[in-house]
Each structure stands twice: as structure tokens, then as C-alpha cells.
């Protein structure tokens, strides 16, 4: 499966460029809270069940020195509130896979 930006760009590259510009402006506005914003985005992607972008953002978090255990704890914090157990278990598997990919890169 391709990253969503790659797939959409195959049909409308200009739309993806505008999207990237918007995301860049939003993330730049967060300033020192860049890591926190990335944590929120990543957990939202997991909650929504978007595996490919979740893993991409999880690897970004590892690059920002967020540990695998910290990310796991963020996901588990939502159990019973926004995540059901099977969903959390699936996202924990995605974290393992993303961490393995991160270590191999």
C-alpha cells in the first residue's frame, strides 16, 4: 500500500502540494510543541485505523526521541475512552512493526 500523499498525487499533484503546505504551516505554528503535535497526530491515525500513515508518523516520533514504550503508553492511555482493546492491540502491533522498520533504516 502506498502512502496516501503518493496515491493522491498520482491523480492531482497540485492538491497534495497544497495539503503539504497547509500541514507545514500548522506544524510550524506549534513551535516547541512539535513533538506533542506529532504524538497527537500519530495517536489519531491509530484511532482511525490508518495503518500506513500511522507507521510513518510513529517512525517520525522515534526520530524525535520518543521511545517505543512511550508511544505504547500513549495508545494504552486511550483504552476505555477512545480505543477498545482489540483496536489498541492492533495499534500496538503497528508500533512493533514501525519500530523494527525504524531500527533497520
PDB file of N, CA and C in Angstrom:
ATOM      1  N   UNK A   1       0.843  -1.177   0.000  1.00  0.00           N
ATOM      2  CA  UNK A   1       0.000   0.000   0.000  1.00  0.00           C
ATOM      3  C   UNK A   1       0.891   1.244   0.000  1.00  0.00           C
ATOM      4  N   UNK A   2       0.551   2.185  -0.826  1.00  0.00           N
ATOM      5  CA  UNK A   2       1.304   3.429  -0.937  1.00  0.00           C
ATOM      6  C   UNK A   2       0.854   4.417   0.130  1.00  0.00           C
ATOM      7  N   UNK A   3       1.753   5.337   0.461  1.00  0.00           N
ATOM      8  CA  UNK A   3       1.366   6.451   1.330  1.00  0.00           C
ATOM      9  C   UNK A   3       0.255   7.225   0.630  1.00  0.00           C
ATOM     10  N   UNK A   4      -0.671   7.742   1.402  1.00  0.00           N
ATOM     11  CA  UNK A   4      -1.833   8.430   0.823  1.00  0.00           C
ATOM     12  C   UNK A   4      -1.426   9.625  -0.027  1.00  0.00           C
ATOM     13  N   UNK A   5      -0.393  10.353   0.388  1.00  0.00           N
ATOM     14  CA  UNK A   5       0.021  11.515  -0.409  1.00  0.00           C
ATOM     15  C   UNK A   5       0.554  11.088  -1.770  1.00  0.00           C
ATOM     16  N   UNK A   6       1.228   9.954  -1.818  1.00  0.00           N
ATOM     17  CA  UNK A   6       1.743   9.462  -3.100  1.00  0.00           C
ATOM     18  C   UNK A   6       0.589   9.052  -4.002  1.00  0.00           C
ATOM     19  N   UNK A   7      -0.367   8.321  -3.441  1.00  0.00           N
ATOM     20  CA  UNK A   7      -1.503   7.849  -4.252  1.00  0.00           C
ATOM     21  C   UNK A   7      -2.339   9.006  -4.776  1.00  0.00           C
ATOM     22  N   UNK A   8      -2.640   9.977  -3.911  1.00  0.00           N
ATOM     23  CA  UNK A   8      -3.449  11.119  -4.345  1.00  0.00           C
ATOM     24  C   UNK A   8      -2.673  11.966  -5.351  1.00  0.00           C
ATOM     25  N   UNK A   9      -1.365  12.106  -5.167  1.00  0.00           N
ATOM     26  CA  UNK A   9      -0.551  12.894  -6.098  1.00  0.00           C
ATOM     27  C   UNK A   9      -0.539  12.293  -7.496  1.00  0.00           C
ATOM     28  N   UNK A  10      -0.732  10.997  -7.596  1.00  0.00           N
ATOM     29  CA  UNK A  10      -0.807  10.365  -8.909  1.00  0.00           C
ATOM     30  C   UNK A  10      -1.988  10.909  -9.709  1.00  0.00           C
ATOM     31  N   UNK A  11      -3.006  11.366  -9.014  1.00  0.00           N
ATOM     32  CA  UNK A  11      -4.197  11.905  -9.670  1.00  0.00           C
ATOM     33  C   UNK A  11      -4.176  13.423  -9.689  1.00  0.00           C
ATOM     34  N   UNK A  12      -3.694  14.044  -8.582  1.00  0.00           N
ATOM     35  CA  UNK A  12      -3.706  15.500  -8.500  1.00  0.00           C
ATOM     36  C   UNK A  12      -2.534  15.975  -7.647  1.00  0.00           C
ATOM     37  N   UNK A  13      -1.391  16.150  -8.286  1.00  0.00           N
ATOM     38  CA  UNK A  13      -0.173  16.547  -7.581  1.00  0.00           C
ATOM     39  C   UNK A  13      -0.305  17.917  -6.925  1.00  0.00           C
ATOM     40  N   UNK A  14      -1.004  18.838  -7.566  1.00  0.00           N
ATOM     41  CA  UNK A  14      -1.163  20.187  -7.007  1.00  0.00           C
ATOM     42  C   UNK A  14      -1.933  20.146  -5.689  1.00  0.00           C
ATOM     43  N   UNK A  15      -2.936  19.307  -5.608  1.00  0.00           N
ATOM     44  CA  UNK A  15      -3.713  19.198  -4.367  1.00  0.00           C
ATOM     45  C   UNK A  15      -2.836  18.710  -3.220  1.00  0.00           C
ATOM     46  N   UNK A  16      -1.975  17.766  -3.499  1.00  0.00           N
ATOM     47  CA  UNK A  16      -1.084  17.246  -2.465  1.00  0.00           C
ATOM     48  C   UNK A  16      -0.080  18.315  -2.045  1.00  0.00           C
ATOM     49  N   UNK A  17       0.412  19.084  -2.993  1.00  0.00           N
ATOM     50  CA  UNK A  17       1.334  20.172  -2.646  1.00  0.00           C
ATOM     51  C   UNK A  17       0.664  21.184  -1.722  1.00  0.00           C
ATOM     52  N   UNK A  18      -0.568  21.554  -2.018  1.00  0.00           N
ATOM     53  CA  UNK A  18      -1.306  22.493  -1.144  1.00  0.00           C
ATOM     54  C   UNK A  18      -1.526  21.875   0.233  1.00  0.00           C
ATOM     55  N   UNK A  19      -1.859  20.594   0.260  1.00  0.00           N
ATOM     56  CA  UNK A  19      -2.052  19.875   1.525  1.00  0.00           C
ATOM     57  C   UNK A  19      -0.769  19.917   2.359  1.00  0.00           C
ATOM     58  N   UNK A  20       0.364  19.630   1.718  1.00  0.00           N
ATOM     59  CA  UNK A  20       1.648  19.645   2.426  1.00  0.00           C
ATOM     60  C   UNK A  20       1.977  21.039   2.942  1.00  0.00           C
ATOM     61  N   UNK A  21       1.664  22.058   2.150  1.00  0.00           N
ATOM     62  CA  UNK A  21       1.879  23.436   2.606  1.00  0.00           C
ATOM     63  C   UNK A  21       1.038  23.729   3.845  1.00  0.00           C
ATOM     64  N   UNK A  22      -0.229  23.337   3.814  1.00  0.00           N
ATOM     65  CA  UNK A  22      -1.113  23.559   4.956  1.00  0.00           C
ATOM     66  C   UNK A  22      -0.576  22.849   6.199  1.00  0.00           C
ATOM     67  N   UNK A  23      -0.191  21.587   6.060  1.00  0.00           N
ATOM     68  CA  UNK A  23       0.329  20.831   7.206  1.00  0.00           C
ATOM     69  C   UNK A  23       1.611  21.459   7.735  1.00  0.00           C
ATOM     70  N   UNK A  24       2.447  21.946   6.833  1.00  0.00           N
ATOM     71  CA  UNK A  24       3.694  22.586   7.240  1.00  0.00           C
ATOM     72  C   UNK A  24       3.424  23.836   8.071  1.00  0.00           C
ATOM     73  N   UNK A  25       2.473  24.643   7.633  1.00  0.00           N
ATOM     74  CA  UNK A  25       2.114  25.863   8.367  1.00  0.00           C
ATOM     75  C   UNK A  25       1.542  25.505   9.737  1.00  0.00           C
ATOM     76  N   UNK A  26       0.664  24.519   9.780  1.00  0.00           N
ATOM     77  CA  UNK A  26       0.065  24.120  11.057  1.00  0.00           C
ATOM     78  C   UNK A  26       1.109  23.583  12.027  1.00  0.00           C
ATOM     79  N   UNK A  27       2.015  22.768  11.539  1.00  0.00           N
ATOM     80  CA  UNK A  27       3.034  22.199  12.414  1.00  0.00           C
ATOM     81  C   UNK A  27       4.054  23.250  12.834  1.00  0.00           C
ATOM     82  N   UNK A  28       4.382  24.185  11.960  1.00  0.00           N
ATOM     83  CA  UNK A  28       5.323  25.253  12.313  1.00  0.00           C
ATOM     84  C   UNK A  28       4.742  26.138  13.406  1.00  0.00           C
ATOM     85  N   UNK A  29       3.444  26.329  13.382  1.00  0.00           N
ATOM     86  CA  UNK A  29       2.788  27.169  14.380  1.00  0.00           C
ATOM     87  C   UNK A  29       2.881  26.558  15.770  1.00  0.00           C
ATOM     88  N   UNK A  30       3.118  25.260  15.836  1.00  0.00           N
ATOM     89  CA  UNK A  30       3.193  24.604  17.138  1.00  0.00           C
ATOM     90  C   UNK A  30       4.506  24.891  17.851  1.00  0.00           C
ATOM     91  N   UNK A  31       5.518  25.375  17.120  1.00  0.00           N
ATOM     92  CA  UNK A  31       6.790  25.755  17.729  1.00  0.00           C
ATOM     93  C   UNK A  31       7.419  24.641  18.533  1.00  0.00           C
ATOM     94  N   UNK A  32       7.642  24.921  19.817  1.00  0.00           N
ATOM     95  CA  UNK A  32       8.291  23.953  20.698  1.00  0.00           C
ATOM     96  C   UNK A  32       7.435  22.725  20.961  1.00  0.00           C
ATOM     97  N   UNK A  33       6.168  22.801  20.639  1.00  0.00           N
ATOM     98  CA  UNK A  33       5.268  21.683  20.880  1.00  0.00           C
ATOM     99  C   UNK A  33       5.187  20.737  19.681  1.00  0.00           C
ATOM    100  N   UNK A  34       6.171  20.761  18.829  1.00  0.00           N
ATOM    101  CA  UNK A  34       6.186  19.921  17.627  1.00  0.00           C
ATOM    102  C   UNK A  34       6.034  18.445  17.978  1.00  0.00           C
ATOM    103  N   UNK A  35       6.767  18.007  18.979  1.00  0.00           N
ATOM    104  CA  UNK A  35       6.694  16.603  19.371  1.00  0.00           C
ATOM    105  C   UNK A  35       5.305  16.255  19.884  1.00  0.00           C
ATOM    106  N   UNK A  36       4.732  17.137  20.688  1.00  0.00           N
ATOM    107  CA  UNK A  36       3.388  16.886  21.208  1.00  0.00           C
ATOM    108  C   UNK A  36       2.382  16.795  20.066  1.00  0.00           C
ATOM    109  N   UNK A  37       2.487  17.698  19.101  1.00  0.00           N
ATOM    110  CA  UNK A  37       1.583  17.656  17.942  1.00  0.00           C
ATOM    111  C   UNK A  37       1.744  16.352  17.176  1.00  0.00           C
ATOM    112  N   UNK A  38       2.969  15.906  17.020  1.00  0.00           N
ATOM    113  CA  UNK A  38       3.220  14.651  16.303  1.00  0.00           C
ATOM    114  C   UNK A  38       2.628  13.466  17.070  1.00  0.00           C
ATOM    115  N   UNK A  39       2.704  13.499  18.393  1.00  0.00           N
ATOM    116  CA  UNK A  39       2.099  12.441  19.210  1.00  0.00           C
ATOM    117  C   UNK A  39       0.590  12.414  19.000  1.00  0.00           C
ATOM    118  N   UNK A  40      -0.031  13.589  19.004  1.00  0.00           N
ATOM    119  CA  UNK A  40      -1.484  13.671  18.823  1.00  0.00           C
ATOM    120  C   UNK A  40      -1.880  13.145  17.445  1.00  0.00           C
ATOM    121  N   UNK A  41      -1.186  13.602  16.407  1.00  0.00           N
ATOM    122  CA  UNK A  41      -1.494  13.164  15.042  1.00  0.00           C
ATOM    123  C   UNK A  41      -1.346  11.643  14.928  1.00  0.00           C
ATOM    124  N   UNK A  42      -0.263  11.123  15.465  1.00  0.00           N
ATOM    125  CA  UNK A  42       0.001   9.688  15.376  1.00  0.00           C
ATOM    126  C   UNK A  42      -1.081   8.878  16.083  1.00  0.00           C
ATOM    127  N   UNK A  43      -1.441   9.291  17.284  1.00  0.00           N
ATOM    128  CA  UNK A  43      -2.475   8.542  18.007  1.00  0.00           C
ATOM    129  C   UNK A  43      -3.827   8.642  17.306  1.00  0.00           C
ATOM    130  N   UNK A  44      -4.120   9.788  16.703  1.00  0.00           N
ATOM    131  CA  UNK A  44      -5.374   9.924  15.954  1.00  0.00           C
ATOM    132  C   UNK A  44      -5.399   8.986  14.753  1.00  0.00           C
ATOM    133  N   UNK A  45      -4.282   8.865  14.061  1.00  0.00           N
ATOM    134  CA  UNK A  45      -4.216   7.950  12.922  1.00  0.00           C
ATOM    135  C   UNK A  45      -4.451   6.509  13.373  1.00  0.00           C
ATOM    136  N   UNK A  46      -3.884   6.147  14.514  1.00  0.00           N
ATOM    137  CA  UNK A  46      -4.118   4.814  15.055  1.00  0.00           C
ATOM    138  C   UNK A  46      -5.577   4.598  15.408  1.00  0.00           C
ATOM    139  N   UNK A  47      -6.163   5.591  16.052  1.00  0.00           N
ATOM    140  CA  UNK A  47      -7.571   5.517  16.448  1.00  0.00           C
ATOM    141  C   UNK A  47      -8.481   5.327  15.238  1.00  0.00           C
ATOM    142  N   UNK A  48      -8.140   6.006  14.148  1.00  0.00           N
ATOM    143  CA  UNK A  48      -8.955   5.922  12.936  1.00  0.00           C
ATOM    144  C   UNK A  48      -8.656   4.675  12.098  1.00  0.00           C
ATOM    145  N   UNK A  49      -7.616   3.929  12.484  1.00  0.00           N
ATOM    146  CA  UNK A  49      -7.304   2.690  11.780  1.00  0.00           C
ATOM    147  C   UNK A  49      -6.500   2.862  10.508  1.00  0.00           C
ATOM    148  N   UNK A  50      -5.758   3.954  10.398  1.00  0.00           N
ATOM    149  CA  UNK A  50      -4.963   4.233   9.200  1.00  0.00           C
ATOM    150  C   UNK A  50      -3.528   3.727   9.413  1.00  0.00           C
ATOM    151  N   UNK A  51      -3.307   2.477   9.067  1.00  0.00           N
ATOM    152  CA  UNK A  51      -2.046   1.801   9.359  1.00  0.00           C
ATOM    153  C   UNK A  51      -0.827   2.449   8.715  1.00  0.00           C
ATOM    154  N   UNK A  52      -0.859   2.686   7.423  1.00  0.00           N
ATOM    155  CA  UNK A  52       0.331   3.182   6.718  1.00  0.00           C
ATOM    156  C   UNK A  52       0.766   4.550   7.249  1.00  0.00           C
ATOM    157  N   UNK A  53      -0.130   5.550   7.308  1.00  0.00           N
ATOM    158  CA  UNK A  53       0.319   6.833   7.850  1.00  0.00           C
ATOM    159  C   UNK A  53       0.659   6.754   9.340  1.00  0.00           C
ATOM    160  N   UNK A  54      -0.017   5.866  10.084  1.00  0.00           N
ATOM    161  CA  UNK A  54       0.330   5.703  11.496  1.00  0.00           C
ATOM    162  C   UNK A  54       1.792   5.294  11.625  1.00  0.00           C
ATOM    163  N   UNK A  55       2.201   4.297  10.863  1.00  0.00           N
ATOM    164  CA  UNK A  55       3.580   3.810  10.948  1.00  0.00           C
ATOM    165  C   UNK A  55       4.577   4.887  10.530  1.00  0.00           C
ATOM    166  N   UNK A  56       4.244   5.644   9.504  1.00  0.00           N
ATOM    167  CA  UNK A  56       5.118   6.731   9.062  1.00  0.00           C
ATOM    168  C   UNK A  56       5.314   7.743  10.193  1.00  0.00           C
ATOM    169  N   UNK A  57       4.230   8.125  10.844  1.00  0.00           N
ATOM    170  CA  UNK A  57       4.319   9.105  11.929  1.00  0.00           C
ATOM    171  C   UNK A  57       4.964   8.502  13.177  1.00  0.00           C
ATOM    172  N   UNK A  58       4.756   7.221  13.415  1.00  0.00           N
ATOM    173  CA  UNK A  58       5.426   6.565  14.541  1.00  0.00           C
ATOM    174  C   UNK A  58       6.941   6.624  14.350  1.00  0.00           C
ATOM    175  N   UNK A  59       7.402   6.381  13.130  1.00  0.00           N
ATOM    176  CA  UNK A  59       8.844   6.455  12.858  1.00  0.00           C
ATOM    177  C   UNK A  59       9.360   7.879  13.056  1.00  0.00           C
ATOM    178  N   UNK A  60       8.552   8.870  12.718  1.00  0.00           N
ATOM    179  CA  UNK A  60       8.945  10.258  12.986  1.00  0.00           C
ATOM    180  C   UNK A  60       9.108  10.485  14.485  1.00  0.00           C
ATOM    181  N   UNK A  61       8.206   9.906  15.264  1.00  0.00           N
ATOM    182  CA  UNK A  61       8.314  10.052  16.719  1.00  0.00           C
ATOM    183  C   UNK A  61       9.588   9.398  17.239  1.00  0.00           C
ATOM    184  N   UNK A  62       9.952   8.242  16.711  1.00  0.00           N
ATOM    185  CA  UNK A  62      11.194   7.600  17.129  1.00  0.00           C
ATOM    186  C   UNK A  62      12.382   8.496  16.784  1.00  0.00           C
ATOM    187  N   UNK A  63      12.325   9.153  15.636  1.00  0.00           N
ATOM    188  CA  UNK A  63      13.379  10.099  15.251  1.00  0.00           C
ATOM    189  C   UNK A  63      13.427  11.303  16.190  1.00  0.00           C
ATOM    190  N   UNK A  64      12.292  11.639  16.800  1.00  0.00           N
ATOM    191  CA  UNK A  64      12.215  12.755  17.751  1.00  0.00           C
ATOM    192  C   UNK A  64      12.512  12.293  19.183  1.00  0.00           C
ATOM    193  N   UNK A  65      13.066  11.102  19.314  1.00  0.00           N
ATOM    194  CA  UNK A  65      13.478  10.522  20.601  1.00  0.00           C
ATOM    195  C   UNK A  65      12.328  10.096  21.501  1.00  0.00           C
ATOM    196  N   UNK A  66      11.161   9.854  20.929  1.00  0.00           N
ATOM    197  CA  UNK A  66      10.073   9.234  21.682  1.00  0.00           C
ATOM    198  C   UNK A  66      10.328   7.730  21.629  1.00  0.00           C
ATOM    199  N   UNK A  67      10.335   7.090  22.780  1.00  0.00           N
ATOM    200  CA  UNK A  67      10.632   5.656  22.807  1.00  0.00           C
ATOM    201  C   UNK A  67       9.414   4.834  22.393  1.00  0.00           C
ATOM    202  N   UNK A  68       9.691   3.606  22.047  1.00  0.00           N
ATOM    203  CA  UNK A  68       8.616   2.671  21.698  1.00  0.00           C
ATOM    204  C   UNK A  68       7.647   2.541  22.874  1.00  0.00           C
ATOM    205  N   UNK A  69       8.182   2.423  24.080  1.00  0.00           N
ATOM    206  CA  UNK A  69       7.331   2.277  25.263  1.00  0.00           C
ATOM    207  C   UNK A  69       6.485   3.529  25.504  1.00  0.00           C
ATOM    208  N   UNK A  70       7.050   4.711  25.279  1.00  0.00           N
ATOM    209  CA  UNK A  70       6.263   5.935  25.446  1.00  0.00           C
ATOM    210  C   UNK A  70       5.080   5.955  24.482  1.00  0.00           C
ATOM    211  N   UNK A  71       5.321   5.566  23.235  1.00  0.00           N
ATOM    212  CA  UNK A  71       4.238   5.550  22.258  1.00  0.00           C
ATOM    213  C   UNK A  71       3.198   4.491  22.631  1.00  0.00           C
ATOM    214  N   UNK A  72       3.660   3.342  23.086  1.00  0.00           N
ATOM    215  CA  UNK A  72       2.723   2.314  23.541  1.00  0.00           C
ATOM    216  C   UNK A  72       1.854   2.849  24.683  1.00  0.00           C
ATOM    217  N   UNK A  73       2.465   3.567  25.608  1.00  0.00           N
ATOM    218  CA  UNK A  73       1.722   4.111  26.746  1.00  0.00           C
ATOM    219  C   UNK A  73       0.694   5.149  26.316  1.00  0.00           C
ATOM    220  N   UNK A  74       1.023   5.944  25.298  1.00  0.00           N
ATOM    221  CA  UNK A  74       0.061   6.920  24.779  1.00  0.00           C
ATOM    222  C   UNK A  74      -1.170   6.193  24.250  1.00  0.00           C
ATOM    223  N   UNK A  75      -0.946   5.129  23.501  1.00  0.00           N
ATOM    224  CA  UNK A  75      -2.070   4.369  22.949  1.00  0.00           C
ATOM    225  C   UNK A  75      -2.887   3.733  24.067  1.00  0.00           C
ATOM    226  N   UNK A  76      -2.218   3.125  25.027  1.00  0.00           N
ATOM    227  CA  UNK A  76      -2.937   2.460  26.116  1.00  0.00           C
ATOM    228  C   UNK A  76      -3.701   3.447  26.994  1.00  0.00           C
ATOM    229  N   UNK A  77      -3.262   4.692  27.040  1.00  0.00           N
ATOM    230  CA  UNK A  77      -3.976   5.711  27.818  1.00  0.00           C
ATOM    231  C   UNK A  77      -5.388   5.925  27.283  1.00  0.00           C
ATOM    232  N   UNK A  78      -5.605   5.619  26.012  1.00  0.00           N
ATOM    233  CA  UNK A  78      -6.921   5.808  25.410  1.00  0.00           C
ATOM    234  C   UNK A  78      -7.860   4.624  25.538  1.00  0.00           C
ATOM    235  N   UNK A  79      -7.364   3.497  26.084  1.00  0.00           N
ATOM    236  CA  UNK A  79      -8.212   2.310  26.215  1.00  0.00           C
ATOM    237  C   UNK A  79      -9.369   2.612  27.167  1.00  0.00           C
ATOM    238  N   UNK A  80     -10.548   2.309  26.714  1.00  0.00           N
ATOM    239  CA  UNK A  80     -11.747   2.545  27.504  1.00  0.00           C
ATOM    240  C   UNK A  80     -12.316   3.943  27.337  1.00  0.00           C
ATOM    241  N   UNK A  81     -11.571   4.794  26.643  1.00  0.00           N
ATOM    242  CA  UNK A  81     -12.032   6.158  26.380  1.00  0.00           C
ATOM    243  C   UNK A  81     -12.272   6.326  24.882  1.00  0.00           C
ATOM    244  N   UNK A  82     -11.208   6.173  24.107  1.00  0.00           N
ATOM    245  CA  UNK A  82     -11.331   6.291  22.652  1.00  0.00           C
ATOM    246  C   UNK A  82     -10.964   4.997  21.930  1.00  0.00           C
ATOM    247  N   UNK A  83     -10.216   4.125  22.576  1.00  0.00           N
ATOM    248  CA  UNK A  83      -9.811   2.853  21.985  1.00  0.00           C
ATOM    249  C   UNK A  83     -10.509   1.694  22.687  1.00  0.00           C
ATOM    250  N   UNK A  84     -10.920   0.690  21.920  1.00  0.00           N
ATOM    251  CA  UNK A  84     -11.348  -0.578  22.501  1.00  0.00           C
ATOM    252  C   UNK A  84     -10.132  -1.500  22.489  1.00  0.00           C
ATOM    253  N   UNK A  85     -10.126  -2.518  23.333  1.00  0.00           N
ATOM    254  CA  UNK A  85      -8.948  -3.377  23.465  1.00  0.00           C
ATOM    255  C   UNK A  85      -8.461  -3.979  22.150  1.00  0.00           C
ATOM    256  N   UNK A  86      -9.330  -4.545  21.302  1.00  0.00           N
ATOM    257  CA  UNK A  86      -8.821  -5.111  20.053  1.00  0.00           C
ATOM    258  C   UNK A  86      -8.131  -4.060  19.172  1.00  0.00           C
ATOM    259  N   UNK A  87      -8.662  -2.871  19.167  1.00  0.00           N
ATOM    260  CA  UNK A  87      -8.073  -1.790  18.374  1.00  0.00           C
ATOM    261  C   UNK A  87      -6.712  -1.404  18.951  1.00  0.00           C
ATOM    262  N   UNK A  88      -6.630  -1.285  20.273  1.00  0.00           N
ATOM    263  CA  UNK A  88      -5.355  -0.949  20.906  1.00  0.00           C
ATOM    264  C   UNK A  88      -4.323  -2.036  20.630  1.00  0.00           C
ATOM    265  N   UNK A  89      -4.738  -3.298  20.702  1.00  0.00           N
ATOM    266  CA  UNK A  89      -3.817  -4.404  20.432  1.00  0.00           C
ATOM    267  C   UNK A  89      -3.278  -4.333  19.006  1.00  0.00           C
ATOM    268  N   UNK A  90      -4.146  -4.015  18.063  1.00  0.00           N
ATOM    269  CA  UNK A  90      -3.718  -3.881  16.669  1.00  0.00           C
ATOM    270  C   UNK A  90      -2.708  -2.747  16.520  1.00  0.00           C
ATOM    271  N   UNK A  91      -2.980  -1.613  17.140  1.00  0.00           N
ATOM    272  CA  UNK A  91      -2.073  -0.466  17.041  1.00  0.00           C
ATOM    273  C   UNK A  91      -0.744  -0.780  17.733  1.00  0.00           C
ATOM    274  N   UNK A  92      -0.768  -1.539  18.819  1.00  0.00           N
ATOM    275  CA  UNK A  92       0.486  -1.959  19.458  1.00  0.00           C
ATOM    276  C   UNK A  92       1.314  -2.811  18.498  1.00  0.00           C
ATOM    277  N   UNK A  93       0.660  -3.664  17.708  1.00  0.00           N
ATOM    278  CA  UNK A  93       1.377  -4.432  16.679  1.00  0.00           C
ATOM    279  C   UNK A  93       1.991  -3.495  15.648  1.00  0.00           C
ATOM    280  N   UNK A  94       1.243  -2.462  15.251  1.00  0.00           N
ATOM    281  CA  UNK A  94       1.767  -1.497  14.282  1.00  0.00           C
ATOM    282  C   UNK A  94       2.992  -0.786  14.847  1.00  0.00           C
ATOM    283  N   UNK A  95       2.970  -0.489  16.139  1.00  0.00           N
ATOM    284  CA  UNK A  95       4.124   0.157  16.772  1.00  0.00           C
ATOM    285  C   UNK A  95       5.331  -0.765  16.689  1.00  0.00           C
ATOM    286  N   UNK A  96       5.148  -2.047  16.995  1.00  0.00           N
ATOM    287  CA  UNK A  96       6.250  -3.008  16.894  1.00  0.00           C
ATOM    288  C   UNK A  96       6.824  -3.027  15.480  1.00  0.00           C
ATOM    289  N   UNK A  97       5.950  -3.080  14.490  1.00  0.00           N
ATOM    290  CA  UNK A  97       6.391  -3.124  13.092  1.00  0.00           C
ATOM    291  C   UNK A  97       7.111  -1.835  12.703  1.00  0.00           C
ATOM    292  N   UNK A  98       6.567  -0.703  13.105  1.00  0.00           N
ATOM    293  CA  UNK A  98       7.195   0.587  12.783  1.00  0.00           C
ATOM    294  C   UNK A  98       8.553   0.702  13.461  1.00  0.00           C
ATOM    295  N   UNK A  99       8.660   0.209  14.681  1.00  0.00           N
ATOM    296  CA  UNK A  99       9.927   0.280  15.402  1.00  0.00           C
ATOM    297  C   UNK A  99      10.982  -0.596  14.731  1.00  0.00           C
ATOM    298  N   UNK A 100      10.578  -1.776  14.280  1.00  0.00           N
ATOM    299  CA  UNK A 100      11.509  -2.644  13.554  1.00  0.00           C
ATOM    300  C   UNK A 100      11.989  -1.963  12.278  1.00  0.00           C
ATOM    301  N   UNK A 101      11.065  -1.339  11.548  1.00  0.00           N
ATOM    302  CA  UNK A 101      11.431  -0.617  10.324  1.00  0.00           C
ATOM    303  C   UNK A 101      12.372   0.543  10.644  1.00  0.00           C
ATOM    304  N   UNK A 102      12.095   1.252  11.716  1.00  0.00           N
ATOM    305  CA  UNK A 102      12.935   2.385  12.136  1.00  0.00           C
ATOM    306  C   UNK A 102      14.349   1.907  12.459  1.00  0.00           C
ATOM    307  N   UNK A 103      14.459   0.799  13.180  1.00  0.00           N
ATOM    308  CA  UNK A 103      15.773   0.278  13.547  1.00  0.00           C
ATOM    309  C   UNK A 103      16.565  -0.196  12.333  1.00  0.00           C
ATOM    310  N   UNK A 104      15.875  -0.653  11.299  1.00  0.00           N
ATOM    311  CA  UNK A 104      16.546  -1.157  10.104  1.00  0.00           C
ATOM    312  C   UNK A 104      16.965  -0.045   9.151  1.00  0.00           C
ATOM    313  N   UNK A 105      16.439   1.151   9.369  1.00  0.00           N
ATOM    314  CA  UNK A 105      16.764   2.251   8.438  1.00  0.00           C
ATOM    315  C   UNK A 105      18.019   2.984   8.848  1.00  0.00           C
TER     316      UNK A 105
END
